[in-house]
Amino acid sequence: MFLLGTWQSDRRGALTRGWQVSWLAAFRTGFPFTVFGLEPDYIYGRALIENQRADLVNPDAVYLSNPSSVRGGQLLLNEKAFATPAAGVVGNSGRNAFRGPGLYNVDMSLARSFSVPNIWRFKVPEGTRLTFRADAFNVLNHANLNNPNNVVGGTDEAGKPNFGIASYGRQGTASGFPATSPVNETARQFQLMVRLEF
């Protein structure tokens, strides 16, 4: 869900005249994912099962009730809820049957516009305005998690088990559409802008 808003001050107020506040807030449920077995499986040596899904042995214990913090993320999934299917059998867990952690992000901006008067001998065109604007991206500095590692028995580059670990540093698909930017994970960022309109 996206909340997009703009508040512009009443022109009659002396203290609030010319101020504008804008925000974009994104609240999303987690993205779906599939839990896979460690390696492809052969059916009697004749065919290869690509993307072999894991067996779900305990549907009530898929997610840990108290996720634990690990280096770079959190452990969310219980490996004991899954098992490797028997040789030649497709796993019973469904495609995209599980959901990753939800995410939220809030971006805000604060701007003030001033009319530019004629100064000394400089003639300024009528309607010239000077705008100062401050933007804050991820203003709450909230860290969102990626989907957890979804390969039962999988390991990281150092050989350590990493099944069920959701890491920080979410990156969405590169796009020019601004509504996808809350998927990208960055620490709080500020930018300042000055604009002259004439």
N, C-alpha and C. Protein backbone atom coordinates (compact mmCIF):
# COMPACT_ATOMS: atom_id res chain seq x y z
N MET A 1 0.85 -1.16 0.00
CA MET A 1 0.00 0.00 0.00
C MET A 1 0.90 1.24 0.00
N PHE A 2 0.55 2.21 -0.84
CA PHE A 2 1.29 3.46 -0.92
C PHE A 2 0.43 4.59 -0.40
N LEU A 3 1.04 5.49 0.35
CA LEU A 3 0.38 6.72 0.78
C LEU A 3 1.20 7.87 0.25
N LEU A 4 0.60 8.65 -0.60
CA LEU A 4 1.28 9.79 -1.20
C LEU A 4 0.51 11.03 -0.81
N GLY A 5 1.20 12.03 -0.30
CA GLY A 5 0.47 13.21 0.15
C GLY A 5 1.30 14.48 0.05
N THR A 6 0.59 15.58 0.00
CA THR A 6 1.21 16.89 -0.01
C THR A 6 0.37 17.83 0.83
N TRP A 7 1.02 18.59 1.68
CA TRP A 7 0.35 19.62 2.45
C TRP A 7 0.96 20.96 2.07
N GLN A 8 0.11 21.90 1.73
CA GLN A 8 0.58 23.24 1.38
C GLN A 8 -0.05 24.22 2.35
N SER A 9 0.76 25.14 2.84
CA SER A 9 0.28 26.05 3.87
C SER A 9 -0.73 27.05 3.33
N ASP A 10 -1.53 27.55 4.24
CA ASP A 10 -2.49 28.61 3.92
C ASP A 10 -1.71 29.89 3.65
N ARG A 11 -2.01 30.54 2.55
CA ARG A 11 -1.26 31.75 2.18
C ARG A 11 -1.48 32.91 3.14
N ARG A 12 -2.51 32.82 3.99
CA ARG A 12 -2.80 33.93 4.90
C ARG A 12 -1.93 33.92 6.15
N GLY A 13 -1.39 32.75 6.53
CA GLY A 13 -0.60 32.67 7.76
C GLY A 13 0.80 33.24 7.56
N ALA A 14 1.21 34.13 8.43
CA ALA A 14 2.52 34.78 8.27
C ALA A 14 3.67 33.80 8.50
N LEU A 15 3.53 32.89 9.47
CA LEU A 15 4.62 31.98 9.78
C LEU A 15 4.66 30.77 8.85
N THR A 16 3.52 30.36 8.35
CA THR A 16 3.48 29.15 7.53
C THR A 16 3.39 29.45 6.03
N ARG A 17 3.35 30.68 5.64
CA ARG A 17 3.18 31.04 4.23
C ARG A 17 4.32 30.47 3.39
N GLY A 18 3.98 29.78 2.30
CA GLY A 18 4.98 29.29 1.36
C GLY A 18 5.57 27.94 1.68
N TRP A 19 5.19 27.32 2.81
CA TRP A 19 5.74 26.00 3.17
C TRP A 19 4.95 24.89 2.47
N GLN A 20 5.66 23.83 2.14
CA GLN A 20 5.02 22.65 1.55
C GLN A 20 5.70 21.40 2.11
N VAL A 21 4.89 20.44 2.55
CA VAL A 21 5.39 19.16 3.06
C VAL A 21 4.83 18.06 2.17
N SER A 22 5.70 17.17 1.70
CA SER A 22 5.27 16.04 0.87
C SER A 22 5.84 14.75 1.44
N TRP A 23 5.13 13.66 1.21
CA TRP A 23 5.61 12.37 1.71
C TRP A 23 5.15 11.25 0.79
N LEU A 24 5.93 10.18 0.82
CA LEU A 24 5.59 8.94 0.14
C LEU A 24 5.89 7.82 1.12
N ALA A 25 4.86 7.11 1.52
CA ALA A 25 5.02 5.99 2.46
C ALA A 25 4.61 4.71 1.76
N ALA A 26 5.39 3.67 1.93
CA ALA A 26 5.09 2.37 1.32
C ALA A 26 5.06 1.31 2.41
N PHE A 27 3.97 0.57 2.46
CA PHE A 27 3.81 -0.54 3.40
C PHE A 27 3.46 -1.76 2.56
N ARG A 28 4.26 -2.79 2.62
CA ARG A 28 4.05 -3.96 1.78
C ARG A 28 4.13 -5.23 2.60
N THR A 29 3.32 -6.20 2.19
CA THR A 29 3.48 -7.54 2.77
C THR A 29 4.74 -8.14 2.16
N GLY A 30 5.17 -9.26 2.71
CA GLY A 30 6.37 -9.91 2.19
C GLY A 30 6.13 -10.49 0.80
N PHE A 31 7.22 -10.67 0.07
CA PHE A 31 7.14 -11.25 -1.26
C PHE A 31 7.14 -12.78 -1.15
N PRO A 32 6.43 -13.47 -2.04
CA PRO A 32 6.37 -14.94 -1.96
C PRO A 32 7.70 -15.58 -2.35
N PHE A 33 7.94 -16.77 -1.80
CA PHE A 33 9.13 -17.54 -2.18
C PHE A 33 8.85 -19.02 -2.03
N THR A 34 9.69 -19.82 -2.65
CA THR A 34 9.60 -21.28 -2.63
C THR A 34 10.78 -21.83 -1.87
N VAL A 35 10.59 -22.89 -1.12
CA VAL A 35 11.70 -23.56 -0.42
C VAL A 35 12.15 -24.73 -1.29
N PHE A 36 13.44 -24.76 -1.63
CA PHE A 36 14.01 -25.78 -2.52
C PHE A 36 14.89 -26.76 -1.76
N GLY A 37 15.07 -27.93 -2.36
CA GLY A 37 16.06 -28.89 -1.88
C GLY A 37 17.44 -28.42 -2.30
N LEU A 38 18.45 -29.06 -1.77
CA LEU A 38 19.82 -28.58 -2.01
C LEU A 38 20.26 -28.76 -3.46
N GLU A 39 19.94 -29.91 -4.08
CA GLU A 39 20.41 -30.19 -5.43
C GLU A 39 19.28 -30.76 -6.27
N PRO A 40 19.40 -30.68 -7.61
CA PRO A 40 18.41 -31.35 -8.46
C PRO A 40 18.43 -32.85 -8.20
N ASP A 41 17.32 -33.51 -8.45
CA ASP A 41 17.19 -34.92 -8.16
C ASP A 41 16.90 -35.69 -9.45
N TYR A 42 17.44 -36.89 -9.56
CA TYR A 42 17.19 -37.74 -10.72
C TYR A 42 16.06 -38.70 -10.42
N ILE A 43 15.18 -38.90 -11.39
CA ILE A 43 14.14 -39.91 -11.26
C ILE A 43 14.63 -41.17 -11.95
N TYR A 44 15.05 -42.11 -11.18
CA TYR A 44 15.53 -43.39 -11.69
C TYR A 44 16.58 -43.21 -12.79
N GLY A 45 17.37 -42.18 -12.70
CA GLY A 45 18.45 -41.97 -13.65
C GLY A 45 18.00 -41.54 -15.03
N ARG A 46 16.72 -41.30 -15.25
CA ARG A 46 16.24 -40.95 -16.58
C ARG A 46 15.97 -39.46 -16.76
N ALA A 47 15.52 -38.79 -15.75
CA ALA A 47 15.14 -37.39 -15.88
C ALA A 47 15.63 -36.61 -14.67
N LEU A 48 15.76 -35.33 -14.89
CA LEU A 48 16.26 -34.45 -13.83
C LEU A 48 15.12 -33.58 -13.33
N ILE A 49 14.92 -33.56 -12.01
CA ILE A 49 13.92 -32.66 -11.42
C ILE A 49 14.63 -31.34 -11.14
N GLU A 50 14.33 -30.35 -11.94
CA GLU A 50 14.92 -29.02 -11.73
C GLU A 50 14.13 -28.30 -10.63
N ASN A 51 14.83 -27.52 -9.85
CA ASN A 51 14.19 -26.75 -8.78
C ASN A 51 13.35 -27.64 -7.86
N GLN A 52 13.97 -28.68 -7.40
CA GLN A 52 13.29 -29.64 -6.52
C GLN A 52 12.82 -28.94 -5.25
N ARG A 53 11.52 -28.99 -5.00
CA ARG A 53 10.96 -28.37 -3.80
C ARG A 53 11.16 -29.29 -2.60
N ALA A 54 11.29 -28.69 -1.45
CA ALA A 54 11.49 -29.46 -0.22
C ALA A 54 10.15 -30.03 0.25
N ASP A 55 10.22 -31.09 1.08
CA ASP A 55 9.03 -31.62 1.74
C ASP A 55 8.74 -30.78 2.97
N LEU A 56 7.48 -30.43 3.15
CA LEU A 56 7.04 -29.69 4.34
C LEU A 56 6.54 -30.72 5.33
N VAL A 57 7.28 -30.92 6.44
CA VAL A 57 6.91 -31.96 7.41
C VAL A 57 6.17 -31.40 8.62
N ASN A 58 6.30 -30.11 8.88
CA ASN A 58 5.61 -29.51 10.02
C ASN A 58 5.14 -28.10 9.65
N PRO A 59 3.94 -27.99 9.05
CA PRO A 59 3.45 -26.69 8.59
C PRO A 59 3.31 -25.64 9.69
N ASP A 60 3.13 -26.07 10.94
CA ASP A 60 2.94 -25.13 12.04
C ASP A 60 4.25 -24.55 12.56
N ALA A 61 5.38 -25.07 12.10
CA ALA A 61 6.67 -24.64 12.64
C ALA A 61 7.59 -24.07 11.56
N VAL A 62 7.03 -23.58 10.46
CA VAL A 62 7.86 -23.06 9.37
C VAL A 62 8.64 -21.84 9.82
N TYR A 63 7.97 -20.91 10.47
CA TYR A 63 8.61 -19.66 10.91
C TYR A 63 8.95 -19.77 12.40
N LEU A 64 10.12 -19.29 12.77
CA LEU A 64 10.50 -19.29 14.18
C LEU A 64 9.65 -18.28 14.92
N SER A 65 9.16 -18.67 16.08
CA SER A 65 8.32 -17.75 16.86
C SER A 65 9.12 -16.56 17.38
N ASN A 66 10.40 -16.77 17.64
CA ASN A 66 11.29 -15.69 18.08
C ASN A 66 12.51 -15.67 17.16
N PRO A 67 12.44 -14.93 16.05
CA PRO A 67 13.60 -14.87 15.14
C PRO A 67 14.84 -14.38 15.86
N SER A 68 15.96 -15.00 15.56
CA SER A 68 17.21 -14.62 16.22
C SER A 68 18.06 -13.79 15.27
N SER A 69 18.78 -12.84 15.85
CA SER A 69 19.67 -11.99 15.06
C SER A 69 20.94 -12.74 14.74
N VAL A 70 21.36 -12.65 13.51
CA VAL A 70 22.63 -13.22 13.06
C VAL A 70 23.38 -12.12 12.34
N ARG A 71 24.62 -12.36 12.01
CA ARG A 71 25.42 -11.33 11.36
C ARG A 71 24.80 -10.97 10.00
N GLY A 72 24.42 -9.72 9.84
CA GLY A 72 23.88 -9.23 8.58
C GLY A 72 22.41 -9.47 8.37
N GLY A 73 21.69 -10.01 9.37
CA GLY A 73 20.27 -10.26 9.17
C GLY A 73 19.61 -10.95 10.35
N GLN A 74 18.58 -11.75 10.04
CA GLN A 74 17.85 -12.49 11.07
C GLN A 74 17.52 -13.89 10.56
N LEU A 75 17.53 -14.85 11.48
CA LEU A 75 17.14 -16.22 11.16
C LEU A 75 15.63 -16.32 11.36
N LEU A 76 14.90 -16.55 10.26
CA LEU A 76 13.44 -16.55 10.30
C LEU A 76 12.80 -17.92 10.15
N LEU A 77 13.44 -18.83 9.41
CA LEU A 77 12.83 -20.13 9.10
C LEU A 77 13.41 -21.25 9.96
N ASN A 78 12.57 -22.23 10.25
CA ASN A 78 12.96 -23.40 11.02
C ASN A 78 13.28 -24.54 10.06
N GLU A 79 14.54 -24.92 9.99
CA GLU A 79 14.95 -25.97 9.05
C GLU A 79 14.33 -27.32 9.39
N LYS A 80 13.97 -27.53 10.66
CA LYS A 80 13.38 -28.80 11.07
C LYS A 80 11.97 -28.99 10.53
N ALA A 81 11.35 -27.93 10.01
CA ALA A 81 10.02 -28.03 9.43
C ALA A 81 10.06 -28.59 8.01
N PHE A 82 11.27 -28.76 7.46
CA PHE A 82 11.43 -29.23 6.09
C PHE A 82 12.30 -30.48 6.05
N ALA A 83 12.16 -31.23 4.97
CA ALA A 83 12.99 -32.41 4.76
C ALA A 83 13.27 -32.58 3.28
N THR A 84 14.34 -33.32 2.97
CA THR A 84 14.66 -33.62 1.58
C THR A 84 13.75 -34.74 1.10
N PRO A 85 13.10 -34.57 -0.05
CA PRO A 85 12.20 -35.62 -0.55
C PRO A 85 12.96 -36.90 -0.86
N ALA A 86 12.25 -38.00 -0.87
CA ALA A 86 12.85 -39.28 -1.26
C ALA A 86 13.30 -39.19 -2.71
N ALA A 87 14.28 -40.02 -3.07
CA ALA A 87 14.83 -40.00 -4.43
C ALA A 87 13.72 -40.25 -5.45
N GLY A 88 13.68 -39.38 -6.46
CA GLY A 88 12.71 -39.56 -7.53
C GLY A 88 11.33 -39.04 -7.22
N VAL A 89 11.14 -38.39 -6.07
CA VAL A 89 9.82 -37.88 -5.68
C VAL A 89 9.88 -36.35 -5.61
N VAL A 90 8.88 -35.70 -6.18
CA VAL A 90 8.81 -34.24 -6.11
C VAL A 90 8.37 -33.82 -4.71
N GLY A 91 9.01 -32.82 -4.16
CA GLY A 91 8.67 -32.34 -2.82
C GLY A 91 7.24 -31.83 -2.74
N ASN A 92 6.65 -31.91 -1.54
CA ASN A 92 5.23 -31.58 -1.38
C ASN A 92 4.96 -30.10 -1.07
N SER A 93 5.99 -29.29 -0.86
CA SER A 93 5.74 -27.87 -0.58
C SER A 93 5.41 -27.16 -1.90
N GLY A 94 4.53 -26.19 -1.82
CA GLY A 94 4.06 -25.52 -3.03
C GLY A 94 5.00 -24.45 -3.53
N ARG A 95 4.81 -24.11 -4.79
CA ARG A 95 5.57 -23.02 -5.40
C ARG A 95 5.05 -21.70 -4.82
N ASN A 96 5.96 -20.86 -4.37
CA ASN A 96 5.61 -19.56 -3.76
C ASN A 96 4.61 -19.71 -2.62
N ALA A 97 4.77 -20.77 -1.84
CA ALA A 97 3.84 -21.06 -0.75
C ALA A 97 4.15 -20.26 0.52
N PHE A 98 5.28 -19.60 0.57
CA PHE A 98 5.70 -18.91 1.80
C PHE A 98 5.91 -17.43 1.50
N ARG A 99 5.82 -16.61 2.54
CA ARG A 99 5.99 -15.16 2.38
C ARG A 99 7.14 -14.67 3.24
N GLY A 100 7.93 -13.81 2.63
CA GLY A 100 9.03 -13.19 3.35
C GLY A 100 8.54 -12.08 4.27
N PRO A 101 9.45 -11.44 4.97
CA PRO A 101 9.06 -10.37 5.89
C PRO A 101 8.52 -9.16 5.14
N GLY A 102 7.55 -8.50 5.75
CA GLY A 102 7.01 -7.27 5.17
C GLY A 102 8.02 -6.15 5.25
N LEU A 103 7.72 -5.06 4.57
CA LEU A 103 8.64 -3.93 4.59
C LEU A 103 7.86 -2.63 4.56
N TYR A 104 8.49 -1.60 5.08
CA TYR A 104 7.90 -0.27 4.98
C TYR A 104 9.00 0.77 4.87
N ASN A 105 8.63 1.89 4.28
CA ASN A 105 9.58 2.97 4.06
C ASN A 105 8.80 4.28 4.00
N VAL A 106 9.39 5.34 4.52
CA VAL A 106 8.77 6.66 4.47
C VAL A 106 9.80 7.67 3.97
N ASP A 107 9.45 8.38 2.89
CA ASP A 107 10.27 9.47 2.36
C ASP A 107 9.49 10.77 2.57
N MET A 108 10.19 11.84 2.92
CA MET A 108 9.52 13.12 3.17
C MET A 108 10.34 14.26 2.55
N SER A 109 9.64 15.35 2.27
CA SER A 109 10.33 16.56 1.82
C SER A 109 9.66 17.78 2.45
N LEU A 110 10.46 18.80 2.66
CA LEU A 110 9.99 20.07 3.22
C LEU A 110 10.53 21.18 2.32
N ALA A 111 9.63 22.05 1.84
CA ALA A 111 10.06 23.10 0.91
C ALA A 111 9.43 24.42 1.29
N ARG A 112 10.12 25.50 0.95
CA ARG A 112 9.60 26.85 1.18
C ARG A 112 9.93 27.69 -0.04
N SER A 113 8.92 28.40 -0.53
CA SER A 113 9.10 29.27 -1.70
C SER A 113 8.99 30.73 -1.29
N PHE A 114 9.82 31.55 -1.93
CA PHE A 114 9.82 32.99 -1.68
C PHE A 114 9.70 33.70 -3.02
N SER A 115 8.96 34.79 -3.02
CA SER A 115 8.97 35.63 -4.21
C SER A 115 10.25 36.47 -4.17
N VAL A 116 10.85 36.67 -5.33
CA VAL A 116 12.13 37.40 -5.39
C VAL A 116 11.85 38.86 -5.77
N PRO A 117 12.19 39.81 -4.89
CA PRO A 117 11.94 41.23 -5.20
C PRO A 117 13.07 41.80 -6.05
N ASN A 118 12.83 42.95 -6.61
CA ASN A 118 13.88 43.67 -7.32
C ASN A 118 14.89 44.19 -6.30
N ILE A 119 16.15 43.92 -6.54
CA ILE A 119 17.21 44.33 -5.60
C ILE A 119 18.11 45.33 -6.31
N TRP A 120 18.28 46.49 -5.69
CA TRP A 120 19.08 47.57 -6.23
C TRP A 120 18.71 47.85 -7.69
N ARG A 121 19.69 47.69 -8.58
CA ARG A 121 19.43 48.00 -9.99
C ARG A 121 19.07 46.76 -10.81
N PHE A 122 19.00 45.60 -10.14
CA PHE A 122 18.68 44.37 -10.88
C PHE A 122 17.17 44.25 -11.04
N LYS A 123 16.74 44.12 -12.27
CA LYS A 123 15.31 43.95 -12.55
C LYS A 123 15.03 42.46 -12.66
N VAL A 124 14.15 41.98 -11.80
CA VAL A 124 13.78 40.56 -11.77
C VAL A 124 12.43 40.41 -12.46
N PRO A 125 12.29 39.44 -13.37
CA PRO A 125 10.99 39.25 -14.03
C PRO A 125 9.89 38.99 -13.01
N GLU A 126 8.71 39.47 -13.31
CA GLU A 126 7.58 39.29 -12.41
C GLU A 126 7.26 37.80 -12.27
N GLY A 127 6.95 37.39 -11.07
CA GLY A 127 6.63 35.97 -10.82
C GLY A 127 7.84 35.11 -10.53
N THR A 128 9.03 35.69 -10.42
CA THR A 128 10.23 34.91 -10.10
C THR A 128 10.15 34.43 -8.66
N ARG A 129 10.45 33.13 -8.48
CA ARG A 129 10.37 32.53 -7.13
C ARG A 129 11.65 31.76 -6.85
N LEU A 130 12.04 31.77 -5.58
CA LEU A 130 13.19 31.01 -5.11
C LEU A 130 12.68 29.95 -4.14
N THR A 131 13.03 28.68 -4.40
CA THR A 131 12.55 27.58 -3.57
C THR A 131 13.73 26.86 -2.92
N PHE A 132 13.62 26.67 -1.62
CA PHE A 132 14.56 25.84 -0.86
C PHE A 132 13.84 24.55 -0.50
N ARG A 133 14.49 23.41 -0.71
CA ARG A 133 13.83 22.13 -0.45
C ARG A 133 14.81 21.16 0.20
N ALA A 134 14.31 20.43 1.22
CA ALA A 134 15.09 19.38 1.88
C ALA A 134 14.32 18.07 1.72
N ASP A 135 15.00 17.04 1.23
CA ASP A 135 14.40 15.72 1.06
C ASP A 135 15.07 14.74 2.01
N ALA A 136 14.27 13.88 2.61
CA ALA A 136 14.79 12.81 3.47
C ALA A 136 14.25 11.49 2.96
N PHE A 137 15.15 10.58 2.57
CA PHE A 137 14.77 9.26 2.09
C PHE A 137 14.99 8.27 3.23
N ASN A 138 14.02 7.38 3.43
CA ASN A 138 14.02 6.47 4.58
C ASN A 138 14.18 7.28 5.87
N VAL A 139 13.28 8.24 6.05
CA VAL A 139 13.38 9.18 7.16
C VAL A 139 13.36 8.48 8.52
N LEU A 140 12.72 7.30 8.61
CA LEU A 140 12.68 6.56 9.88
C LEU A 140 13.92 5.70 10.09
N ASN A 141 14.78 5.64 9.07
CA ASN A 141 16.00 4.83 9.12
C ASN A 141 15.69 3.38 9.48
N HIS A 142 14.64 2.85 8.88
CA HIS A 142 14.20 1.48 9.16
C HIS A 142 14.85 0.51 8.18
N ALA A 143 15.40 -0.57 8.70
CA ALA A 143 16.04 -1.59 7.87
C ALA A 143 15.03 -2.68 7.51
N ASN A 144 14.87 -2.95 6.22
CA ASN A 144 13.99 -4.01 5.74
C ASN A 144 14.81 -5.23 5.39
N LEU A 145 14.18 -6.39 5.51
CA LEU A 145 14.86 -7.66 5.24
C LEU A 145 14.50 -8.19 3.86
N ASN A 146 15.45 -8.88 3.23
CA ASN A 146 15.18 -9.64 2.01
C ASN A 146 14.40 -10.90 2.37
N ASN A 147 13.95 -11.63 1.36
CA ASN A 147 13.41 -12.96 1.62
C ASN A 147 14.52 -13.83 2.20
N PRO A 148 14.18 -14.79 3.05
CA PRO A 148 15.22 -15.64 3.63
C PRO A 148 15.83 -16.58 2.59
N ASN A 149 17.05 -17.03 2.89
CA ASN A 149 17.69 -18.03 2.03
C ASN A 149 16.80 -19.27 2.02
N ASN A 150 16.46 -19.76 0.85
CA ASN A 150 15.40 -20.76 0.73
C ASN A 150 15.86 -22.12 0.23
N VAL A 151 17.14 -22.45 0.41
CA VAL A 151 17.65 -23.76 0.00
C VAL A 151 17.96 -24.56 1.26
N VAL A 152 17.20 -25.64 1.49
CA VAL A 152 17.40 -26.47 2.69
C VAL A 152 18.80 -27.07 2.64
N GLY A 153 19.56 -26.88 3.70
CA GLY A 153 20.92 -27.40 3.76
C GLY A 153 21.93 -26.52 3.05
N GLY A 154 21.50 -25.35 2.58
CA GLY A 154 22.41 -24.46 1.86
C GLY A 154 23.44 -23.83 2.77
N THR A 155 24.54 -23.40 2.16
CA THR A 155 25.63 -22.77 2.91
C THR A 155 26.04 -21.49 2.19
N ASP A 156 26.71 -20.62 2.94
CA ASP A 156 27.21 -19.39 2.34
C ASP A 156 28.59 -19.64 1.74
N GLU A 157 29.25 -18.57 1.30
CA GLU A 157 30.56 -18.71 0.65
C GLU A 157 31.63 -19.27 1.59
N ALA A 158 31.43 -19.06 2.89
CA ALA A 158 32.40 -19.57 3.86
C ALA A 158 32.07 -20.99 4.31
N GLY A 159 30.99 -21.58 3.76
CA GLY A 159 30.61 -22.94 4.13
C GLY A 159 29.73 -23.03 5.36
N LYS A 160 29.25 -21.90 5.87
CA LYS A 160 28.39 -21.92 7.05
C LYS A 160 26.93 -22.06 6.62
N PRO A 161 26.12 -22.81 7.39
CA PRO A 161 24.71 -22.95 7.03
C PRO A 161 24.01 -21.59 7.02
N ASN A 162 23.20 -21.38 5.98
CA ASN A 162 22.51 -20.09 5.90
C ASN A 162 21.02 -20.24 5.56
N PHE A 163 20.47 -21.43 5.69
CA PHE A 163 19.06 -21.60 5.39
C PHE A 163 18.21 -20.78 6.38
N GLY A 164 17.24 -20.08 5.86
CA GLY A 164 16.31 -19.33 6.71
C GLY A 164 16.79 -17.97 7.15
N ILE A 165 17.99 -17.56 6.73
CA ILE A 165 18.52 -16.26 7.13
C ILE A 165 18.09 -15.20 6.13
N ALA A 166 17.40 -14.19 6.61
CA ALA A 166 17.00 -13.04 5.79
C ALA A 166 18.00 -11.92 6.06
N SER A 167 18.63 -11.43 5.02
CA SER A 167 19.69 -10.44 5.19
C SER A 167 19.15 -9.02 4.98
N TYR A 168 19.85 -8.06 5.56
CA TYR A 168 19.54 -6.66 5.34
C TYR A 168 20.17 -6.22 4.02
N GLY A 169 19.75 -5.07 3.53
CA GLY A 169 20.33 -4.55 2.29
C GLY A 169 19.49 -4.88 1.08
N ARG A 170 18.19 -4.77 1.22
CA ARG A 170 17.25 -5.12 0.15
C ARG A 170 17.49 -4.27 -1.09
N GLN A 171 17.49 -4.89 -2.25
CA GLN A 171 17.61 -4.19 -3.53
C GLN A 171 16.52 -4.67 -4.47
N GLY A 172 15.73 -3.74 -4.95
CA GLY A 172 14.67 -4.08 -5.90
C GLY A 172 15.19 -4.02 -7.33
N THR A 173 14.30 -4.26 -8.26
CA THR A 173 14.65 -4.20 -9.67
C THR A 173 14.87 -2.75 -10.07
N ALA A 174 15.92 -2.52 -10.84
CA ALA A 174 16.21 -1.16 -11.29
C ALA A 174 15.08 -0.67 -12.19
N SER A 175 14.55 0.50 -11.87
CA SER A 175 13.42 1.03 -12.63
C SER A 175 13.36 2.52 -12.46
N GLY A 176 12.82 3.20 -13.46
CA GLY A 176 12.65 4.65 -13.35
C GLY A 176 11.35 5.02 -12.67
N PHE A 177 10.53 4.02 -12.34
CA PHE A 177 9.24 4.28 -11.71
C PHE A 177 9.45 4.52 -10.23
N PRO A 178 9.09 5.71 -9.70
CA PRO A 178 9.44 6.04 -8.31
C PRO A 178 8.77 5.16 -7.27
N ALA A 179 7.64 4.54 -7.60
CA ALA A 179 6.95 3.72 -6.60
C ALA A 179 7.72 2.45 -6.25
N THR A 180 8.71 2.07 -7.08
CA THR A 180 9.50 0.88 -6.75
C THR A 180 10.67 1.20 -5.85
N SER A 181 10.99 2.48 -5.67
CA SER A 181 12.17 2.83 -4.88
C SER A 181 12.08 2.42 -3.41
N PRO A 182 10.89 2.34 -2.77
CA PRO A 182 10.88 1.87 -1.39
C PRO A 182 11.36 0.45 -1.22
N VAL A 183 11.46 -0.31 -2.34
CA VAL A 183 11.98 -1.67 -2.25
C VAL A 183 13.49 -1.63 -2.01
N ASN A 184 14.15 -0.58 -2.45
CA ASN A 184 15.59 -0.48 -2.29
C ASN A 184 15.94 -0.06 -0.87
N GLU A 185 16.88 -0.75 -0.30
CA GLU A 185 17.24 -0.52 1.09
C GLU A 185 18.47 0.38 1.18
N THR A 186 18.31 1.52 1.77
CA THR A 186 19.43 2.41 2.05
C THR A 186 19.23 2.98 3.44
N ALA A 187 20.31 3.41 4.04
CA ALA A 187 20.20 4.12 5.31
C ALA A 187 19.58 5.49 5.03
N ARG A 188 19.19 6.19 6.08
CA ARG A 188 18.59 7.51 5.91
C ARG A 188 19.52 8.41 5.11
N GLN A 189 18.95 9.11 4.13
CA GLN A 189 19.72 10.03 3.29
C GLN A 189 18.99 11.37 3.20
N PHE A 190 19.79 12.45 3.16
CA PHE A 190 19.24 13.79 3.01
C PHE A 190 19.81 14.43 1.76
N GLN A 191 19.01 15.25 1.12
CA GLN A 191 19.53 16.09 0.04
C GLN A 191 18.88 17.45 0.12
N LEU A 192 19.65 18.47 -0.22
CA LEU A 192 19.18 19.85 -0.19
C LEU A 192 19.18 20.39 -1.61
N MET A 193 18.19 21.26 -1.91
CA MET A 193 18.08 21.78 -3.24
C MET A 193 17.66 23.26 -3.17
N VAL A 194 18.20 24.04 -4.09
CA VAL A 194 17.79 25.43 -4.27
C VAL A 194 17.39 25.57 -5.73
N ARG A 195 16.21 26.13 -5.98
CA ARG A 195 15.71 26.27 -7.34
C ARG A 195 15.21 27.69 -7.58
N LEU A 196 15.58 28.25 -8.69
CA LEU A 196 15.13 29.59 -9.08
C LEU A 196 14.18 29.43 -10.27
N GLU A 197 12.94 29.89 -10.09
CA GLU A 197 11.94 29.80 -11.15
C GLU A 197 11.64 31.20 -11.67
N PHE A 198 11.67 31.35 -12.99
CA PHE A 198 11.36 32.67 -13.57
C PHE A 198 10.67 32.48 -14.91
